[in-house]
Amino acid sequence: MALREIRILGDDLLRKTSREVEIVDDRIKELINDMIETMVKSEGVGLAAPQIGILKRIVIVMDGDKIIPLVNPKIVEASGEAVDYEGCLSVKKKSVKVKRPTMVKVQALDKDGKEIEFIAKDFFARVICHELDHLDGILIVDKAEE
């Protein structure tokens, strides 16, 4: 495992759209491990591959103290709405109010390439939406309510 450098607002790569992962192989698993280490050391609750300079549709999210890697994640259903403050490892020292769904149904591949589907609510749903935005080049400053 290796600690990766987190890209900061102003880096053009953060504005690009990520590509789907074709196959979850050893290189992808190594990338996932690096992302987990980087997120934990940075005290984040989520990290998307573009934040470390990799344009692949991979995110790491935390649900409580459980770390969940998601490959090619998609939100297939969303409901509810709430506005709350969010921070971002790529947007230093800034929190902004962002409107997000309060419930999302997610489909993805796990770290072994197996299909998974689950429902996330409240803060966990917010984290997932935030990280999936990164995969499409969207940052919290683009969605700020203030």
N, C-alpha and C. Protein backbone atom coordinates (compact mmCIF):
# COMPACT_ATOMS: atom_id res chain seq x y z
N MET A 1 0.84 -1.18 0.00
CA MET A 1 0.00 0.00 0.00
C MET A 1 0.89 1.24 0.00
N ALA A 2 0.33 2.29 -0.59
CA ALA A 2 1.09 3.53 -0.68
C ALA A 2 0.17 4.72 -0.48
N LEU A 3 0.68 5.70 0.25
CA LEU A 3 -0.04 6.94 0.44
C LEU A 3 0.04 7.75 -0.85
N ARG A 4 -1.08 8.25 -1.33
CA ARG A 4 -1.12 9.02 -2.57
C ARG A 4 -1.37 10.49 -2.26
N GLU A 5 -0.89 11.35 -3.15
CA GLU A 5 -1.11 12.80 -3.00
C GLU A 5 -2.52 13.16 -3.45
N ILE A 6 -3.20 13.95 -2.64
CA ILE A 6 -4.56 14.38 -2.97
C ILE A 6 -4.50 15.66 -3.80
N ARG A 7 -5.18 15.63 -4.94
CA ARG A 7 -5.26 16.79 -5.82
C ARG A 7 -6.16 17.85 -5.19
N ILE A 8 -5.81 19.12 -5.42
CA ILE A 8 -6.50 20.24 -4.79
C ILE A 8 -7.22 21.08 -5.85
N LEU A 9 -8.33 21.72 -5.43
CA LEU A 9 -9.09 22.62 -6.29
C LEU A 9 -8.15 23.49 -7.11
N GLY A 10 -8.38 23.55 -8.41
CA GLY A 10 -7.50 24.26 -9.34
C GLY A 10 -6.79 23.28 -10.26
N ASP A 11 -6.67 22.03 -9.83
CA ASP A 11 -6.07 20.97 -10.65
C ASP A 11 -7.11 20.57 -11.71
N ASP A 12 -6.77 20.71 -12.98
CA ASP A 12 -7.70 20.42 -14.08
C ASP A 12 -8.23 18.99 -14.06
N LEU A 13 -7.44 18.06 -13.56
CA LEU A 13 -7.86 16.66 -13.56
C LEU A 13 -9.14 16.45 -12.74
N LEU A 14 -9.33 17.26 -11.71
CA LEU A 14 -10.54 17.14 -10.87
C LEU A 14 -11.81 17.48 -11.63
N ARG A 15 -11.68 18.12 -12.79
CA ARG A 15 -12.85 18.53 -13.58
C ARG A 15 -13.16 17.56 -14.72
N LYS A 16 -12.40 16.48 -14.81
CA LYS A 16 -12.60 15.52 -15.90
C LYS A 16 -13.55 14.39 -15.48
N THR A 17 -14.15 13.74 -16.47
CA THR A 17 -15.04 12.60 -16.24
C THR A 17 -14.21 11.32 -16.21
N SER A 18 -14.45 10.49 -15.23
CA SER A 18 -13.72 9.23 -15.07
C SER A 18 -14.29 8.13 -15.96
N ARG A 19 -13.43 7.18 -16.30
CA ARG A 19 -13.82 6.03 -17.13
C ARG A 19 -14.20 4.84 -16.26
N GLU A 20 -15.11 4.02 -16.78
CA GLU A 20 -15.49 2.80 -16.06
C GLU A 20 -14.31 1.83 -16.00
N VAL A 21 -14.28 1.04 -14.97
CA VAL A 21 -13.28 -0.02 -14.81
C VAL A 21 -13.79 -1.23 -15.57
N GLU A 22 -12.95 -1.76 -16.46
CA GLU A 22 -13.33 -2.92 -17.28
C GLU A 22 -13.32 -4.21 -16.47
N ILE A 23 -12.27 -4.38 -15.67
CA ILE A 23 -12.14 -5.61 -14.89
C ILE A 23 -11.43 -5.27 -13.58
N VAL A 24 -11.89 -5.87 -12.50
CA VAL A 24 -11.26 -5.66 -11.20
C VAL A 24 -10.12 -6.68 -11.07
N ASP A 25 -8.92 -6.21 -11.41
CA ASP A 25 -7.74 -7.07 -11.36
C ASP A 25 -6.84 -6.64 -10.20
N ASP A 26 -5.64 -7.21 -10.13
CA ASP A 26 -4.72 -6.91 -9.03
C ASP A 26 -4.32 -5.44 -8.99
N ARG A 27 -4.19 -4.80 -10.15
CA ARG A 27 -3.83 -3.38 -10.18
C ARG A 27 -4.94 -2.53 -9.58
N ILE A 28 -6.19 -2.87 -9.88
CA ILE A 28 -7.33 -2.14 -9.31
C ILE A 28 -7.39 -2.38 -7.80
N LYS A 29 -7.15 -3.61 -7.38
CA LYS A 29 -7.17 -3.91 -5.94
C LYS A 29 -6.07 -3.15 -5.21
N GLU A 30 -4.90 -3.03 -5.84
CA GLU A 30 -3.81 -2.25 -5.25
C GLU A 30 -4.20 -0.77 -5.16
N LEU A 31 -4.83 -0.25 -6.21
CA LEU A 31 -5.30 1.13 -6.20
C LEU A 31 -6.31 1.33 -5.07
N ILE A 32 -7.25 0.40 -4.92
CA ILE A 32 -8.24 0.49 -3.83
C ILE A 32 -7.54 0.53 -2.48
N ASN A 33 -6.54 -0.32 -2.27
CA ASN A 33 -5.80 -0.31 -1.00
C ASN A 33 -5.09 1.01 -0.77
N ASP A 34 -4.48 1.57 -1.83
CA ASP A 34 -3.83 2.88 -1.72
C ASP A 34 -4.84 3.97 -1.37
N MET A 35 -6.02 3.89 -2.00
CA MET A 35 -7.06 4.89 -1.73
C MET A 35 -7.54 4.80 -0.28
N ILE A 36 -7.70 3.58 0.23
CA ILE A 36 -8.12 3.41 1.62
C ILE A 36 -7.08 4.01 2.56
N GLU A 37 -5.81 3.69 2.34
CA GLU A 37 -4.75 4.22 3.18
C GLU A 37 -4.73 5.75 3.13
N THR A 38 -4.85 6.31 1.94
CA THR A 38 -4.83 7.76 1.77
C THR A 38 -6.01 8.42 2.48
N MET A 39 -7.20 7.84 2.32
CA MET A 39 -8.39 8.40 2.96
C MET A 39 -8.27 8.36 4.48
N VAL A 40 -7.85 7.23 5.01
CA VAL A 40 -7.73 7.08 6.46
C VAL A 40 -6.69 8.05 7.03
N LYS A 41 -5.52 8.13 6.38
CA LYS A 41 -4.46 9.03 6.87
C LYS A 41 -4.89 10.49 6.78
N SER A 42 -5.75 10.81 5.82
CA SER A 42 -6.23 12.18 5.63
C SER A 42 -7.45 12.49 6.49
N GLU A 43 -7.91 11.49 7.24
CA GLU A 43 -9.07 11.62 8.11
C GLU A 43 -10.33 12.01 7.34
N GLY A 44 -10.48 11.41 6.15
CA GLY A 44 -11.67 11.64 5.34
C GLY A 44 -12.70 10.55 5.57
N VAL A 45 -13.92 10.79 5.07
CA VAL A 45 -14.98 9.78 5.13
C VAL A 45 -15.30 9.25 3.74
N GLY A 46 -14.56 9.74 2.76
CA GLY A 46 -14.72 9.29 1.38
C GLY A 46 -13.57 9.78 0.54
N LEU A 47 -13.30 9.07 -0.54
CA LEU A 47 -12.25 9.46 -1.48
C LEU A 47 -12.59 8.87 -2.84
N ALA A 48 -12.45 9.68 -3.87
CA ALA A 48 -12.68 9.23 -5.25
C ALA A 48 -11.34 9.17 -5.98
N ALA A 49 -11.21 8.22 -6.89
CA ALA A 49 -9.95 8.03 -7.62
C ALA A 49 -9.43 9.32 -8.27
N PRO A 50 -10.29 10.17 -8.87
CA PRO A 50 -9.76 11.40 -9.46
C PRO A 50 -9.03 12.30 -8.45
N GLN A 51 -9.39 12.19 -7.18
CA GLN A 51 -8.74 13.01 -6.16
C GLN A 51 -7.27 12.63 -5.97
N ILE A 52 -6.89 11.46 -6.43
CA ILE A 52 -5.48 11.07 -6.37
C ILE A 52 -4.90 10.95 -7.79
N GLY A 53 -5.58 11.57 -8.75
CA GLY A 53 -5.05 11.66 -10.10
C GLY A 53 -5.37 10.50 -11.02
N ILE A 54 -6.32 9.65 -10.65
CA ILE A 54 -6.67 8.47 -11.45
C ILE A 54 -8.10 8.62 -11.96
N LEU A 55 -8.27 8.68 -13.28
CA LEU A 55 -9.60 8.87 -13.86
C LEU A 55 -10.32 7.54 -14.07
N LYS A 56 -10.58 6.87 -12.97
CA LYS A 56 -11.33 5.61 -12.97
C LYS A 56 -12.51 5.77 -12.01
N ARG A 57 -13.61 5.07 -12.32
CA ARG A 57 -14.83 5.19 -11.51
C ARG A 57 -14.74 4.28 -10.28
N ILE A 58 -13.95 4.75 -9.33
CA ILE A 58 -13.74 4.04 -8.06
C ILE A 58 -13.86 5.06 -6.93
N VAL A 59 -14.61 4.69 -5.90
CA VAL A 59 -14.67 5.52 -4.70
C VAL A 59 -14.53 4.63 -3.47
N ILE A 60 -14.08 5.25 -2.40
CA ILE A 60 -14.05 4.61 -1.09
C ILE A 60 -14.96 5.46 -0.21
N VAL A 61 -15.88 4.81 0.50
CA VAL A 61 -16.78 5.54 1.39
C VAL A 61 -16.79 4.85 2.76
N MET A 62 -17.10 5.64 3.77
CA MET A 62 -17.22 5.09 5.12
C MET A 62 -18.66 5.16 5.57
N ASP A 63 -19.11 4.07 6.17
CA ASP A 63 -20.42 4.01 6.82
C ASP A 63 -20.13 3.69 8.28
N GLY A 64 -20.14 4.71 9.12
CA GLY A 64 -19.67 4.53 10.50
C GLY A 64 -18.17 4.27 10.46
N ASP A 65 -17.75 3.12 10.98
CA ASP A 65 -16.32 2.78 10.91
C ASP A 65 -16.04 1.70 9.86
N LYS A 66 -17.04 1.41 9.03
CA LYS A 66 -16.88 0.40 7.96
C LYS A 66 -16.43 1.09 6.67
N ILE A 67 -15.33 0.61 6.10
CA ILE A 67 -14.78 1.16 4.86
C ILE A 67 -15.29 0.32 3.68
N ILE A 68 -15.90 1.02 2.70
CA ILE A 68 -16.54 0.31 1.59
C ILE A 68 -16.00 0.82 0.25
N PRO A 69 -15.25 -0.03 -0.48
CA PRO A 69 -14.82 0.34 -1.84
C PRO A 69 -15.96 0.07 -2.83
N LEU A 70 -16.16 0.99 -3.75
CA LEU A 70 -17.18 0.84 -4.79
C LEU A 70 -16.55 1.07 -6.15
N VAL A 71 -16.72 0.11 -7.05
CA VAL A 71 -16.20 0.21 -8.41
C VAL A 71 -17.38 0.40 -9.36
N ASN A 72 -17.28 1.36 -10.24
CA ASN A 72 -18.35 1.70 -11.20
C ASN A 72 -19.70 1.93 -10.49
N PRO A 73 -19.70 2.72 -9.40
CA PRO A 73 -20.95 2.93 -8.67
C PRO A 73 -21.94 3.77 -9.45
N LYS A 74 -23.24 3.45 -9.25
CA LYS A 74 -24.33 4.21 -9.88
C LYS A 74 -25.44 4.36 -8.86
N ILE A 75 -26.03 5.55 -8.85
CA ILE A 75 -27.23 5.75 -8.05
C ILE A 75 -28.40 5.43 -8.96
N VAL A 76 -29.21 4.44 -8.57
CA VAL A 76 -30.32 3.99 -9.41
C VAL A 76 -31.67 4.49 -8.89
N GLU A 77 -31.64 5.03 -7.69
CA GLU A 77 -32.86 5.58 -7.11
C GLU A 77 -32.45 6.57 -6.03
N ALA A 78 -33.19 7.67 -5.92
CA ALA A 78 -32.91 8.66 -4.89
C ALA A 78 -34.22 9.28 -4.43
N SER A 79 -34.26 9.66 -3.15
CA SER A 79 -35.45 10.34 -2.65
C SER A 79 -35.07 11.21 -1.46
N GLY A 80 -36.01 12.08 -1.10
CA GLY A 80 -35.77 13.00 0.00
C GLY A 80 -34.83 14.11 -0.41
N GLU A 81 -34.64 15.04 0.50
CA GLU A 81 -33.78 16.18 0.19
C GLU A 81 -33.39 16.85 1.50
N ALA A 82 -32.13 17.19 1.63
CA ALA A 82 -31.65 17.90 2.81
C ALA A 82 -30.46 18.76 2.40
N VAL A 83 -30.34 19.90 3.06
CA VAL A 83 -29.20 20.79 2.85
C VAL A 83 -28.35 20.74 4.12
N ASP A 84 -27.05 20.52 3.94
CA ASP A 84 -26.15 20.49 5.09
C ASP A 84 -24.75 20.89 4.62
N TYR A 85 -23.90 21.18 5.59
CA TYR A 85 -22.52 21.55 5.27
C TYR A 85 -21.71 20.33 4.87
N GLU A 86 -20.83 20.53 3.88
CA GLU A 86 -19.89 19.49 3.45
C GLU A 86 -18.51 20.10 3.32
N GLY A 87 -17.52 19.29 3.62
CA GLY A 87 -16.14 19.63 3.35
C GLY A 87 -15.61 18.65 2.31
N CYS A 88 -14.37 18.85 1.89
CA CYS A 88 -13.79 17.99 0.86
C CYS A 88 -12.28 18.01 1.01
N LEU A 89 -11.66 16.85 0.88
CA LEU A 89 -10.20 16.77 0.96
C LEU A 89 -9.53 17.54 -0.17
N SER A 90 -10.24 17.77 -1.28
CA SER A 90 -9.68 18.52 -2.41
C SER A 90 -10.00 20.01 -2.37
N VAL A 91 -10.83 20.41 -1.41
CA VAL A 91 -11.18 21.83 -1.26
C VAL A 91 -10.82 22.20 0.18
N LYS A 92 -9.59 22.62 0.37
CA LYS A 92 -9.05 22.83 1.71
C LYS A 92 -9.76 23.94 2.47
N LYS A 93 -9.96 23.68 3.75
CA LYS A 93 -10.45 24.68 4.71
C LYS A 93 -11.71 25.40 4.27
N LYS A 94 -12.63 24.69 3.64
CA LYS A 94 -13.87 25.31 3.22
C LYS A 94 -15.00 24.31 3.38
N SER A 95 -16.07 24.77 4.01
CA SER A 95 -17.31 23.99 4.08
C SER A 95 -18.40 24.80 3.41
N VAL A 96 -19.22 24.12 2.64
CA VAL A 96 -20.33 24.81 1.97
C VAL A 96 -21.60 24.00 2.15
N LYS A 97 -22.75 24.69 2.09
CA LYS A 97 -24.03 24.00 2.16
C LYS A 97 -24.34 23.40 0.80
N VAL A 98 -24.72 22.11 0.81
CA VAL A 98 -25.03 21.39 -0.43
C VAL A 98 -26.34 20.63 -0.23
N LYS A 99 -27.21 20.68 -1.24
CA LYS A 99 -28.46 19.93 -1.21
C LYS A 99 -28.20 18.53 -1.77
N ARG A 100 -28.63 17.51 -1.02
CA ARG A 100 -28.44 16.12 -1.43
C ARG A 100 -29.69 15.31 -1.12
N PRO A 101 -29.86 14.17 -1.79
CA PRO A 101 -30.94 13.25 -1.41
C PRO A 101 -30.66 12.67 -0.01
N THR A 102 -31.71 12.30 0.69
CA THR A 102 -31.54 11.68 2.01
C THR A 102 -31.51 10.15 1.92
N MET A 103 -31.84 9.61 0.73
CA MET A 103 -31.79 8.17 0.51
C MET A 103 -31.36 7.91 -0.92
N VAL A 104 -30.41 7.00 -1.08
CA VAL A 104 -30.01 6.58 -2.42
C VAL A 104 -29.88 5.06 -2.46
N LYS A 105 -30.26 4.50 -3.59
CA LYS A 105 -30.03 3.07 -3.85
C LYS A 105 -28.85 3.01 -4.81
N VAL A 106 -27.85 2.23 -4.46
CA VAL A 106 -26.58 2.19 -5.19
C VAL A 106 -26.34 0.80 -5.75
N GLN A 107 -25.88 0.76 -7.00
CA GLN A 107 -25.38 -0.47 -7.61
C GLN A 107 -23.91 -0.24 -7.93
N ALA A 108 -23.08 -1.26 -7.68
CA ALA A 108 -21.65 -1.14 -7.92
C ALA A 108 -21.04 -2.54 -7.96
N LEU A 109 -19.74 -2.56 -8.17
CA LEU A 109 -18.96 -3.78 -7.98
C LEU A 109 -18.18 -3.60 -6.68
N ASP A 110 -17.98 -4.70 -5.94
CA ASP A 110 -17.15 -4.61 -4.74
C ASP A 110 -15.68 -4.80 -5.13
N LYS A 111 -14.82 -4.86 -4.12
CA LYS A 111 -13.38 -4.96 -4.38
C LYS A 111 -12.96 -6.25 -5.07
N ASP A 112 -13.87 -7.23 -5.11
CA ASP A 112 -13.60 -8.49 -5.80
C ASP A 112 -14.29 -8.59 -7.15
N GLY A 113 -14.95 -7.50 -7.56
CA GLY A 113 -15.62 -7.48 -8.86
C GLY A 113 -17.02 -8.07 -8.84
N LYS A 114 -17.55 -8.34 -7.65
CA LYS A 114 -18.91 -8.88 -7.54
C LYS A 114 -19.93 -7.75 -7.48
N GLU A 115 -21.08 -7.96 -8.14
CA GLU A 115 -22.14 -6.95 -8.14
C GLU A 115 -22.77 -6.84 -6.76
N ILE A 116 -22.98 -5.60 -6.33
CA ILE A 116 -23.64 -5.35 -5.06
C ILE A 116 -24.69 -4.26 -5.26
N GLU A 117 -25.67 -4.25 -4.37
CA GLU A 117 -26.71 -3.22 -4.38
C GLU A 117 -27.10 -2.98 -2.93
N PHE A 118 -27.25 -1.71 -2.56
CA PHE A 118 -27.62 -1.39 -1.18
C PHE A 118 -28.28 -0.02 -1.13
N ILE A 119 -28.90 0.26 0.00
CA ILE A 119 -29.54 1.55 0.24
C ILE A 119 -28.72 2.29 1.29
N ALA A 120 -28.46 3.56 1.01
CA ALA A 120 -27.76 4.43 1.96
C ALA A 120 -28.70 5.57 2.34
N LYS A 121 -28.65 5.95 3.61
CA LYS A 121 -29.52 7.02 4.09
C LYS A 121 -28.71 8.08 4.82
N ASP A 122 -29.29 9.29 4.83
CA ASP A 122 -28.79 10.41 5.62
C ASP A 122 -27.32 10.71 5.32
N PHE A 123 -26.45 10.72 6.35
CA PHE A 123 -25.06 11.12 6.14
C PHE A 123 -24.35 10.19 5.16
N PHE A 124 -24.61 8.89 5.25
CA PHE A 124 -23.97 7.93 4.34
C PHE A 124 -24.39 8.20 2.90
N ALA A 125 -25.65 8.53 2.68
CA ALA A 125 -26.13 8.89 1.33
C ALA A 125 -25.41 10.14 0.84
N ARG A 126 -25.21 11.11 1.72
CA ARG A 126 -24.51 12.35 1.37
C ARG A 126 -23.07 12.06 0.94
N VAL A 127 -22.39 11.20 1.69
CA VAL A 127 -21.01 10.85 1.36
C VAL A 127 -20.94 10.20 -0.03
N ILE A 128 -21.84 9.27 -0.29
CA ILE A 128 -21.85 8.60 -1.59
C ILE A 128 -22.09 9.59 -2.72
N CYS A 129 -23.09 10.45 -2.58
CA CYS A 129 -23.38 11.44 -3.62
C CYS A 129 -22.18 12.35 -3.86
N HIS A 130 -21.54 12.78 -2.78
CA HIS A 130 -20.36 13.65 -2.88
C HIS A 130 -19.25 12.96 -3.67
N GLU A 131 -18.95 11.72 -3.33
CA GLU A 131 -17.86 11.01 -4.01
C GLU A 131 -18.21 10.70 -5.46
N LEU A 132 -19.45 10.35 -5.74
CA LEU A 132 -19.84 10.09 -7.13
C LEU A 132 -19.77 11.35 -7.98
N ASP A 133 -20.03 12.51 -7.39
CA ASP A 133 -19.85 13.77 -8.12
C ASP A 133 -18.42 13.90 -8.62
N HIS A 134 -17.45 13.53 -7.79
CA HIS A 134 -16.04 13.60 -8.20
C HIS A 134 -15.79 12.82 -9.49
N LEU A 135 -16.49 11.72 -9.68
CA LEU A 135 -16.28 10.88 -10.87
C LEU A 135 -16.73 11.58 -12.15
N ASP A 136 -17.55 12.62 -12.00
CA ASP A 136 -18.02 13.40 -13.15
C ASP A 136 -17.45 14.81 -13.16
N GLY A 137 -16.39 15.04 -12.39
CA GLY A 137 -15.72 16.33 -12.40
C GLY A 137 -16.45 17.44 -11.66
N ILE A 138 -17.33 17.06 -10.74
CA ILE A 138 -18.13 18.04 -10.00
C ILE A 138 -17.60 18.14 -8.57
N LEU A 139 -17.42 19.38 -8.10
CA LEU A 139 -16.94 19.62 -6.74
C LEU A 139 -18.01 20.33 -5.92
N ILE A 140 -17.84 20.34 -4.59
CA ILE A 140 -18.84 20.97 -3.73
C ILE A 140 -19.02 22.45 -4.03
N VAL A 141 -17.97 23.11 -4.49
CA VAL A 141 -18.10 24.55 -4.81
C VAL A 141 -19.07 24.77 -5.97
N ASP A 142 -19.27 23.76 -6.80
CA ASP A 142 -20.21 23.86 -7.92
C ASP A 142 -21.66 23.73 -7.46
N LYS A 143 -21.86 23.09 -6.32
CA LYS A 143 -23.22 22.82 -5.83
C LYS A 143 -23.58 23.65 -4.60
N ALA A 144 -22.71 24.57 -4.22
CA ALA A 144 -22.93 25.36 -3.00
C ALA A 144 -24.26 26.08 -3.05
N GLU A 145 -24.99 26.02 -1.95
CA GLU A 145 -26.30 26.66 -1.82
C GLU A 145 -26.17 28.14 -1.43
N GLU A 146 -25.01 28.57 -0.93
CA GLU A 146 -24.86 29.95 -0.48
C GLU A 146 -24.20 30.80 -1.54
